[in-house]
Amino acid sequence: MNYYIYDNWQAADRLSPKIHKWNCGYCHMGFGMHTNANRGEHGVWIGPFDEIEYARNYFQLKFNGPLNECNCVHNH
């Protein structure tokens, strides 16, 4: 199972970056939910990570803040 991190630098609530599962409605294997969006315009998908631990470790090293995960990470 793959995981991605989305870093949306234009998010008003700044709940970004956030870890998502590959099959999340927001993620779509790192393509996002807006197929007509210009990639990189508002943010970037980072990954895939093979294991959730890899995504969490990268998140901590890169963003050095509180870990933020989509609900999809905890739903099986």
N, C-alpha and C. Protein backbone atom coordinates (compact mmCIF):
# COMPACT_ATOMS: atom_id res chain seq x y z
N MET A 1 0.85 -1.18 0.00
CA MET A 1 0.00 0.00 0.00
C MET A 1 0.89 1.24 0.00
N ASN A 2 0.60 2.19 -0.85
CA ASN A 2 1.41 3.39 -0.97
C ASN A 2 0.76 4.58 -0.26
N TYR A 3 1.63 5.46 0.19
CA TYR A 3 1.20 6.69 0.87
C TYR A 3 1.86 7.87 0.19
N TYR A 4 1.17 9.00 0.22
CA TYR A 4 1.66 10.24 -0.36
C TYR A 4 1.49 11.36 0.66
N ILE A 5 2.30 12.38 0.53
CA ILE A 5 2.16 13.59 1.34
C ILE A 5 1.78 14.72 0.38
N TYR A 6 0.72 15.43 0.72
CA TYR A 6 0.36 16.61 -0.07
C TYR A 6 0.72 17.85 0.71
N ASP A 7 1.53 18.69 0.10
CA ASP A 7 1.91 19.97 0.70
C ASP A 7 1.25 21.07 -0.11
N ASN A 8 0.17 21.63 0.43
CA ASN A 8 -0.58 22.70 -0.22
C ASN A 8 -0.19 24.02 0.41
N TRP A 9 0.67 24.76 -0.27
CA TRP A 9 1.16 26.01 0.31
C TRP A 9 0.17 27.16 0.19
N GLN A 10 -0.96 26.93 -0.47
CA GLN A 10 -1.98 27.98 -0.56
C GLN A 10 -3.20 27.69 0.31
N ALA A 11 -3.14 26.64 1.12
CA ALA A 11 -4.28 26.29 1.97
C ALA A 11 -4.48 27.36 3.04
N ALA A 12 -5.70 27.86 3.15
CA ALA A 12 -6.00 28.91 4.11
C ALA A 12 -5.85 28.40 5.54
N ASP A 13 -6.25 27.15 5.78
CA ASP A 13 -6.21 26.63 7.15
C ASP A 13 -4.84 26.07 7.54
N ARG A 14 -3.96 25.96 6.56
CA ARG A 14 -2.60 25.44 6.76
C ARG A 14 -2.59 24.10 7.49
N LEU A 15 -3.59 23.26 7.21
CA LEU A 15 -3.57 21.90 7.72
C LEU A 15 -2.74 21.02 6.79
N SER A 16 -2.03 21.66 5.93
CA SER A 16 -1.14 20.98 5.02
C SER A 16 0.26 21.15 5.56
N PRO A 17 1.13 20.27 5.36
CA PRO A 17 1.06 19.03 4.59
C PRO A 17 0.29 17.94 5.33
N LYS A 18 -0.16 16.96 4.54
CA LYS A 18 -0.97 15.89 5.11
C LYS A 18 -0.65 14.59 4.40
N ILE A 19 -0.60 13.50 5.16
CA ILE A 19 -0.35 12.17 4.60
C ILE A 19 -1.67 11.55 4.17
N HIS A 20 -1.67 10.95 2.97
CA HIS A 20 -2.85 10.28 2.41
C HIS A 20 -2.49 8.88 1.93
N LYS A 21 -3.49 7.99 1.90
CA LYS A 21 -3.34 6.69 1.24
C LYS A 21 -3.53 6.88 -0.25
N TRP A 22 -2.92 6.02 -1.04
CA TRP A 22 -2.97 6.11 -2.50
C TRP A 22 -4.39 6.13 -3.04
N ASN A 23 -5.33 5.43 -2.38
CA ASN A 23 -6.69 5.31 -2.91
C ASN A 23 -7.66 6.32 -2.29
N CYS A 24 -7.14 7.27 -1.57
CA CYS A 24 -7.96 8.32 -0.96
C CYS A 24 -8.60 9.17 -2.06
N GLY A 25 -9.81 9.65 -1.83
CA GLY A 25 -10.49 10.50 -2.79
C GLY A 25 -9.76 11.79 -3.08
N TYR A 26 -8.91 12.23 -2.17
CA TYR A 26 -8.12 13.43 -2.40
C TYR A 26 -6.84 13.13 -3.17
N CYS A 27 -6.30 11.93 -2.98
CA CYS A 27 -4.98 11.59 -3.51
C CYS A 27 -4.99 11.04 -4.94
N HIS A 28 -5.75 10.01 -5.19
CA HIS A 28 -5.78 9.36 -6.51
C HIS A 28 -4.38 9.06 -7.02
N MET A 29 -3.62 8.32 -6.21
CA MET A 29 -2.25 7.90 -6.56
C MET A 29 -1.33 9.08 -6.87
N GLY A 30 -1.49 10.16 -6.13
CA GLY A 30 -0.61 11.31 -6.29
C GLY A 30 -1.00 12.28 -7.39
N PHE A 31 -2.18 12.08 -8.00
CA PHE A 31 -2.64 13.00 -9.04
C PHE A 31 -3.62 14.03 -8.51
N GLY A 32 -4.14 13.82 -7.32
CA GLY A 32 -5.08 14.76 -6.73
C GLY A 32 -6.49 14.59 -7.25
N MET A 33 -7.39 15.40 -6.76
CA MET A 33 -8.80 15.25 -7.11
C MET A 33 -9.24 16.14 -8.26
N HIS A 34 -8.40 17.05 -8.67
CA HIS A 34 -8.74 17.96 -9.77
C HIS A 34 -7.87 17.62 -10.98
N THR A 35 -8.41 16.83 -11.88
CA THR A 35 -7.60 16.36 -13.01
C THR A 35 -7.20 17.49 -13.95
N ASN A 36 -7.94 18.59 -13.94
CA ASN A 36 -7.62 19.71 -14.84
C ASN A 36 -6.75 20.78 -14.16
N ALA A 37 -6.32 20.53 -12.93
CA ALA A 37 -5.50 21.51 -12.22
C ALA A 37 -4.07 21.49 -12.76
N ASN A 38 -3.44 22.63 -12.74
CA ASN A 38 -2.02 22.71 -13.12
C ASN A 38 -1.19 22.14 -11.98
N ARG A 39 -0.45 21.10 -12.28
CA ARG A 39 0.34 20.45 -11.24
C ARG A 39 1.36 21.42 -10.66
N GLY A 40 1.38 21.53 -9.34
CA GLY A 40 2.31 22.41 -8.66
C GLY A 40 1.81 23.82 -8.45
N GLU A 41 0.63 24.13 -8.96
CA GLU A 41 0.11 25.49 -8.85
C GLU A 41 -0.21 25.85 -7.39
N HIS A 42 -0.82 24.93 -6.68
CA HIS A 42 -1.21 25.18 -5.29
C HIS A 42 -0.41 24.33 -4.30
N GLY A 43 0.19 23.28 -4.78
CA GLY A 43 0.92 22.39 -3.91
C GLY A 43 1.54 21.25 -4.69
N VAL A 44 2.06 20.28 -3.97
CA VAL A 44 2.75 19.18 -4.60
C VAL A 44 2.49 17.88 -3.84
N TRP A 45 2.36 16.78 -4.59
CA TRP A 45 2.27 15.44 -4.02
C TRP A 45 3.67 14.87 -3.94
N ILE A 46 4.03 14.38 -2.76
CA ILE A 46 5.35 13.80 -2.53
C ILE A 46 5.16 12.30 -2.27
N GLY A 47 5.88 11.48 -2.98
CA GLY A 47 5.76 10.04 -2.79
C GLY A 47 5.75 9.35 -4.13
N PRO A 48 5.49 8.08 -4.13
CA PRO A 48 4.88 7.28 -3.07
C PRO A 48 5.89 6.76 -2.05
N PHE A 49 5.36 6.45 -0.88
CA PHE A 49 6.09 5.79 0.19
C PHE A 49 5.47 4.41 0.37
N ASP A 50 6.28 3.37 0.40
CA ASP A 50 5.78 2.00 0.49
C ASP A 50 5.11 1.69 1.83
N GLU A 51 5.60 2.30 2.87
CA GLU A 51 5.09 2.03 4.22
C GLU A 51 4.72 3.36 4.89
N ILE A 52 3.72 3.30 5.76
CA ILE A 52 3.30 4.51 6.47
C ILE A 52 4.45 5.08 7.31
N GLU A 53 5.29 4.20 7.85
CA GLU A 53 6.42 4.67 8.66
C GLU A 53 7.38 5.51 7.83
N TYR A 54 7.58 5.14 6.55
CA TYR A 54 8.45 5.92 5.67
C TYR A 54 7.87 7.31 5.44
N ALA A 55 6.57 7.37 5.22
CA ALA A 55 5.91 8.66 5.01
C ALA A 55 5.99 9.52 6.27
N ARG A 56 5.77 8.90 7.41
CA ARG A 56 5.85 9.65 8.68
C ARG A 56 7.25 10.16 8.95
N ASN A 57 8.25 9.32 8.70
CA ASN A 57 9.64 9.75 8.91
C ASN A 57 10.02 10.89 7.99
N TYR A 58 9.64 10.79 6.71
CA TYR A 58 9.93 11.86 5.77
C TYR A 58 9.23 13.15 6.21
N PHE A 59 7.97 13.02 6.60
CA PHE A 59 7.19 14.17 7.06
C PHE A 59 7.92 14.89 8.19
N GLN A 60 8.38 14.12 9.19
CA GLN A 60 9.06 14.73 10.34
C GLN A 60 10.36 15.41 9.92
N LEU A 61 11.12 14.76 9.03
CA LEU A 61 12.39 15.35 8.59
C LEU A 61 12.18 16.59 7.74
N LYS A 62 11.21 16.56 6.85
CA LYS A 62 10.99 17.65 5.91
C LYS A 62 10.26 18.84 6.53
N PHE A 63 9.21 18.56 7.30
CA PHE A 63 8.34 19.64 7.77
C PHE A 63 8.52 19.99 9.24
N ASN A 64 9.13 19.10 10.01
CA ASN A 64 9.48 19.39 11.40
C ASN A 64 8.33 20.02 12.18
N GLY A 65 7.16 19.45 12.05
CA GLY A 65 5.99 19.97 12.77
C GLY A 65 5.10 18.82 13.19
N PRO A 66 3.93 19.14 13.72
CA PRO A 66 3.00 18.10 14.12
C PRO A 66 2.56 17.26 12.92
N LEU A 67 2.54 15.97 13.12
CA LEU A 67 2.14 15.04 12.07
C LEU A 67 0.66 15.21 11.76
N ASN A 68 0.34 15.34 10.48
CA ASN A 68 -1.04 15.54 10.05
C ASN A 68 -1.38 14.45 9.05
N GLU A 69 -2.40 13.64 9.37
CA GLU A 69 -2.79 12.53 8.51
C GLU A 69 -4.27 12.62 8.16
N CYS A 70 -4.58 12.32 6.91
CA CYS A 70 -5.96 12.25 6.45
C CYS A 70 -6.64 11.08 7.17
N ASN A 71 -7.94 11.16 7.31
CA ASN A 71 -8.70 10.05 7.92
C ASN A 71 -8.52 8.75 7.16
N CYS A 72 -8.23 8.83 5.87
CA CYS A 72 -8.06 7.63 5.06
C CYS A 72 -6.91 6.76 5.56
N VAL A 73 -5.93 7.34 6.21
CA VAL A 73 -4.78 6.58 6.72
C VAL A 73 -5.22 5.61 7.80
N HIS A 74 -6.23 5.98 8.55
CA HIS A 74 -6.66 5.16 9.69
C HIS A 74 -7.84 4.26 9.36
N ASN A 75 -8.43 4.43 8.18
CA ASN A 75 -9.53 3.57 7.75
C ASN A 75 -8.98 2.39 6.97
N HIS A 76 -9.44 1.22 7.28
CA HIS A 76 -8.91 0.03 6.59
C HIS A 76 -9.85 -0.41 5.53
